[in-house]
N, C-alpha and C. Protein backbone atom coordinates (compact mmCIF):
# COMPACT_ATOMS: atom_id res chain seq x y z
N MET A 1 -2.41 19.05 -4.00
CA MET A 1 -3.03 18.57 -5.22
C MET A 1 -2.01 17.69 -5.94
N SER A 2 -2.41 16.55 -6.39
CA SER A 2 -1.51 15.68 -7.13
C SER A 2 -1.57 16.02 -8.61
N ILE A 3 -0.65 15.47 -9.36
CA ILE A 3 -0.64 15.69 -10.81
C ILE A 3 -1.94 15.17 -11.42
N LYS A 4 -2.38 14.02 -10.97
CA LYS A 4 -3.62 13.45 -11.51
C LYS A 4 -4.83 14.31 -11.14
N SER A 5 -4.92 14.72 -9.89
CA SER A 5 -6.08 15.52 -9.50
C SER A 5 -6.09 16.87 -10.21
N ALA A 6 -4.91 17.43 -10.50
CA ALA A 6 -4.84 18.69 -11.26
C ALA A 6 -5.37 18.48 -12.67
N ARG A 7 -5.00 17.35 -13.28
CA ARG A 7 -5.49 17.06 -14.63
C ARG A 7 -6.99 16.85 -14.62
N LEU A 8 -7.48 16.08 -13.67
CA LEU A 8 -8.91 15.82 -13.59
C LEU A 8 -9.71 17.09 -13.34
N LYS A 9 -9.14 17.98 -12.56
CA LYS A 9 -9.81 19.25 -12.26
C LYS A 9 -10.02 20.08 -13.52
N THR A 10 -9.09 19.95 -14.47
CA THR A 10 -9.22 20.68 -15.73
C THR A 10 -10.12 19.97 -16.72
N GLY A 11 -10.43 18.71 -16.45
CA GLY A 11 -11.28 17.93 -17.36
C GLY A 11 -10.54 17.43 -18.59
N LYS A 12 -9.22 17.44 -18.54
CA LYS A 12 -8.43 16.99 -19.68
C LYS A 12 -8.17 15.49 -19.61
N SER A 13 -8.17 14.86 -20.77
CA SER A 13 -7.80 13.46 -20.83
C SER A 13 -6.28 13.35 -20.78
N VAL A 14 -5.79 12.16 -20.54
CA VAL A 14 -4.35 11.92 -20.53
C VAL A 14 -3.77 12.27 -21.90
N GLY A 15 -4.46 11.87 -22.96
CA GLY A 15 -3.98 12.15 -24.31
C GLY A 15 -3.90 13.64 -24.62
N THR A 16 -4.91 14.38 -24.21
CA THR A 16 -4.92 15.83 -24.44
C THR A 16 -3.78 16.49 -23.68
N ALA A 17 -3.62 16.13 -22.42
CA ALA A 17 -2.54 16.70 -21.62
C ALA A 17 -1.19 16.36 -22.23
N ALA A 18 -1.01 15.12 -22.65
CA ALA A 18 0.26 14.69 -23.23
C ALA A 18 0.58 15.51 -24.49
N ARG A 19 -0.40 15.71 -25.35
CA ARG A 19 -0.18 16.50 -26.57
C ARG A 19 0.17 17.95 -26.23
N GLN A 20 -0.52 18.53 -25.28
CA GLN A 20 -0.27 19.93 -24.92
C GLN A 20 1.09 20.12 -24.28
N ILE A 21 1.56 19.12 -23.55
CA ILE A 21 2.84 19.22 -22.86
C ILE A 21 3.99 18.77 -23.77
N GLY A 22 3.67 17.91 -24.74
CA GLY A 22 4.69 17.43 -25.66
C GLY A 22 5.40 16.18 -25.18
N VAL A 23 4.65 15.32 -24.47
CA VAL A 23 5.20 14.05 -23.98
C VAL A 23 4.25 12.92 -24.37
N SER A 24 4.65 11.71 -24.08
CA SER A 24 3.79 10.56 -24.36
C SER A 24 2.72 10.41 -23.28
N ARG A 25 1.66 9.69 -23.63
CA ARG A 25 0.63 9.39 -22.63
C ARG A 25 1.22 8.57 -21.50
N ALA A 26 2.17 7.70 -21.82
CA ALA A 26 2.81 6.87 -20.80
C ALA A 26 3.51 7.74 -19.76
N ALA A 27 4.15 8.82 -20.22
CA ALA A 27 4.83 9.72 -19.28
C ALA A 27 3.84 10.30 -18.28
N ILE A 28 2.67 10.72 -18.78
CA ILE A 28 1.65 11.26 -17.88
C ILE A 28 1.23 10.20 -16.86
N TYR A 29 0.98 8.98 -17.32
CA TYR A 29 0.60 7.90 -16.40
C TYR A 29 1.69 7.65 -15.35
N TYR A 30 2.94 7.62 -15.79
CA TYR A 30 4.05 7.38 -14.86
C TYR A 30 4.12 8.47 -13.80
N TRP A 31 3.97 9.72 -14.22
CA TRP A 31 4.02 10.84 -13.28
C TRP A 31 2.85 10.78 -12.30
N GLU A 32 1.67 10.47 -12.83
CA GLU A 32 0.48 10.42 -11.97
C GLU A 32 0.54 9.29 -10.96
N ASN A 33 1.18 8.20 -11.32
CA ASN A 33 1.25 7.05 -10.42
C ASN A 33 2.52 7.03 -9.58
N GLY A 34 3.38 8.01 -9.77
CA GLY A 34 4.59 8.10 -8.96
C GLY A 34 5.72 7.19 -9.38
N ALA A 35 5.60 6.55 -10.54
CA ALA A 35 6.67 5.67 -11.00
C ALA A 35 7.91 6.48 -11.37
N PHE A 36 7.70 7.65 -11.94
CA PHE A 36 8.78 8.57 -12.30
C PHE A 36 8.33 9.98 -11.95
N ALA A 37 9.29 10.85 -11.74
CA ALA A 37 8.98 12.26 -11.48
C ALA A 37 9.27 13.06 -12.75
N PRO A 38 8.44 14.05 -13.04
CA PRO A 38 8.71 14.88 -14.21
C PRO A 38 9.95 15.75 -13.99
N THR A 39 10.62 16.08 -15.07
CA THR A 39 11.75 17.00 -14.99
C THR A 39 11.21 18.37 -14.59
N ALA A 40 12.09 19.26 -14.20
CA ALA A 40 11.68 20.61 -13.82
C ALA A 40 10.96 21.30 -14.99
N LYS A 41 11.47 21.12 -16.18
CA LYS A 41 10.86 21.73 -17.36
C LYS A 41 9.45 21.16 -17.60
N ASN A 42 9.31 19.86 -17.47
CA ASN A 42 7.99 19.25 -17.66
C ASN A 42 7.03 19.60 -16.53
N LEU A 43 7.56 19.79 -15.34
CA LEU A 43 6.73 20.22 -14.22
C LEU A 43 6.16 21.61 -14.49
N GLN A 44 6.97 22.48 -15.05
CA GLN A 44 6.50 23.81 -15.44
C GLN A 44 5.43 23.71 -16.52
N ARG A 45 5.64 22.83 -17.48
CA ARG A 45 4.66 22.63 -18.56
C ARG A 45 3.34 22.09 -18.00
N LEU A 46 3.44 21.17 -17.04
CA LEU A 46 2.23 20.63 -16.41
C LEU A 46 1.46 21.74 -15.71
N ALA A 47 2.17 22.54 -14.96
CA ALA A 47 1.53 23.64 -14.22
C ALA A 47 0.82 24.60 -15.17
N LYS A 48 1.47 24.93 -16.25
CA LYS A 48 0.87 25.83 -17.24
C LYS A 48 -0.36 25.18 -17.87
N CYS A 49 -0.24 23.93 -18.24
CA CYS A 49 -1.34 23.20 -18.86
C CYS A 49 -2.54 23.09 -17.93
N TYR A 50 -2.28 22.89 -16.65
CA TYR A 50 -3.35 22.68 -15.67
C TYR A 50 -3.77 23.96 -14.96
N GLY A 51 -3.10 25.06 -15.25
CA GLY A 51 -3.49 26.34 -14.65
C GLY A 51 -3.24 26.43 -13.16
N CYS A 52 -2.10 25.89 -12.73
CA CYS A 52 -1.74 25.95 -11.31
C CYS A 52 -0.24 26.17 -11.20
N SER A 53 0.23 26.34 -9.99
CA SER A 53 1.68 26.51 -9.79
C SER A 53 2.33 25.13 -9.67
N TYR A 54 3.64 25.09 -9.94
CA TYR A 54 4.30 23.80 -9.79
C TYR A 54 4.39 23.40 -8.33
N ASP A 55 4.37 24.38 -7.44
CA ASP A 55 4.33 24.06 -6.01
C ASP A 55 3.07 23.30 -5.66
N GLU A 56 1.94 23.71 -6.26
CA GLU A 56 0.67 23.01 -6.01
C GLU A 56 0.73 21.57 -6.48
N LEU A 57 1.42 21.33 -7.58
CA LEU A 57 1.53 19.96 -8.09
C LEU A 57 2.36 19.07 -7.17
N LEU A 58 3.26 19.69 -6.42
CA LEU A 58 4.12 18.91 -5.53
C LEU A 58 3.55 18.73 -4.14
N GLU A 59 2.51 19.50 -3.82
CA GLU A 59 1.87 19.37 -2.51
C GLU A 59 1.10 18.07 -2.44
N GLU A 60 1.09 17.48 -1.27
CA GLU A 60 0.33 16.26 -1.06
C GLU A 60 -0.86 16.61 -0.15
N SER A 61 -2.04 16.52 -0.71
CA SER A 61 -3.23 16.84 0.08
C SER A 61 -3.70 15.60 0.82
N ALA A 62 -4.61 15.80 1.76
CA ALA A 62 -5.15 14.69 2.54
C ALA A 62 -5.86 13.69 1.65
N GLU A 63 -6.58 14.16 0.63
CA GLU A 63 -7.29 13.24 -0.26
C GLU A 63 -6.32 12.42 -1.09
N ASP A 64 -5.15 12.99 -1.44
CA ASP A 64 -4.14 12.23 -2.18
C ASP A 64 -3.56 11.13 -1.31
N VAL A 65 -3.33 11.41 -0.04
CA VAL A 65 -2.77 10.41 0.87
C VAL A 65 -3.77 9.27 1.09
N GLU A 66 -5.04 9.61 1.24
CA GLU A 66 -6.07 8.61 1.47
C GLU A 66 -6.24 7.67 0.29
N SER A 67 -5.99 8.14 -0.94
CA SER A 67 -6.20 7.31 -2.11
C SER A 67 -5.05 6.35 -2.37
N THR A 68 -3.92 6.49 -1.62
CA THR A 68 -2.79 5.59 -1.83
C THR A 68 -2.78 4.46 -0.86
């Protein structure tokens, strides 16, 4: 599951996720598009916000590979 697919699965907007995690919307976009990687602390916050493990956020699924 990618960071973006985890967010979409929860139905959260980029703005909502950014507010809940305490980062800018740009940071969420950068992480979702692979321009930058979240810090370990932010990865934990993402996992908590999206209700998944941080390992799941780092896994690359077949659908994630096909969309790139």
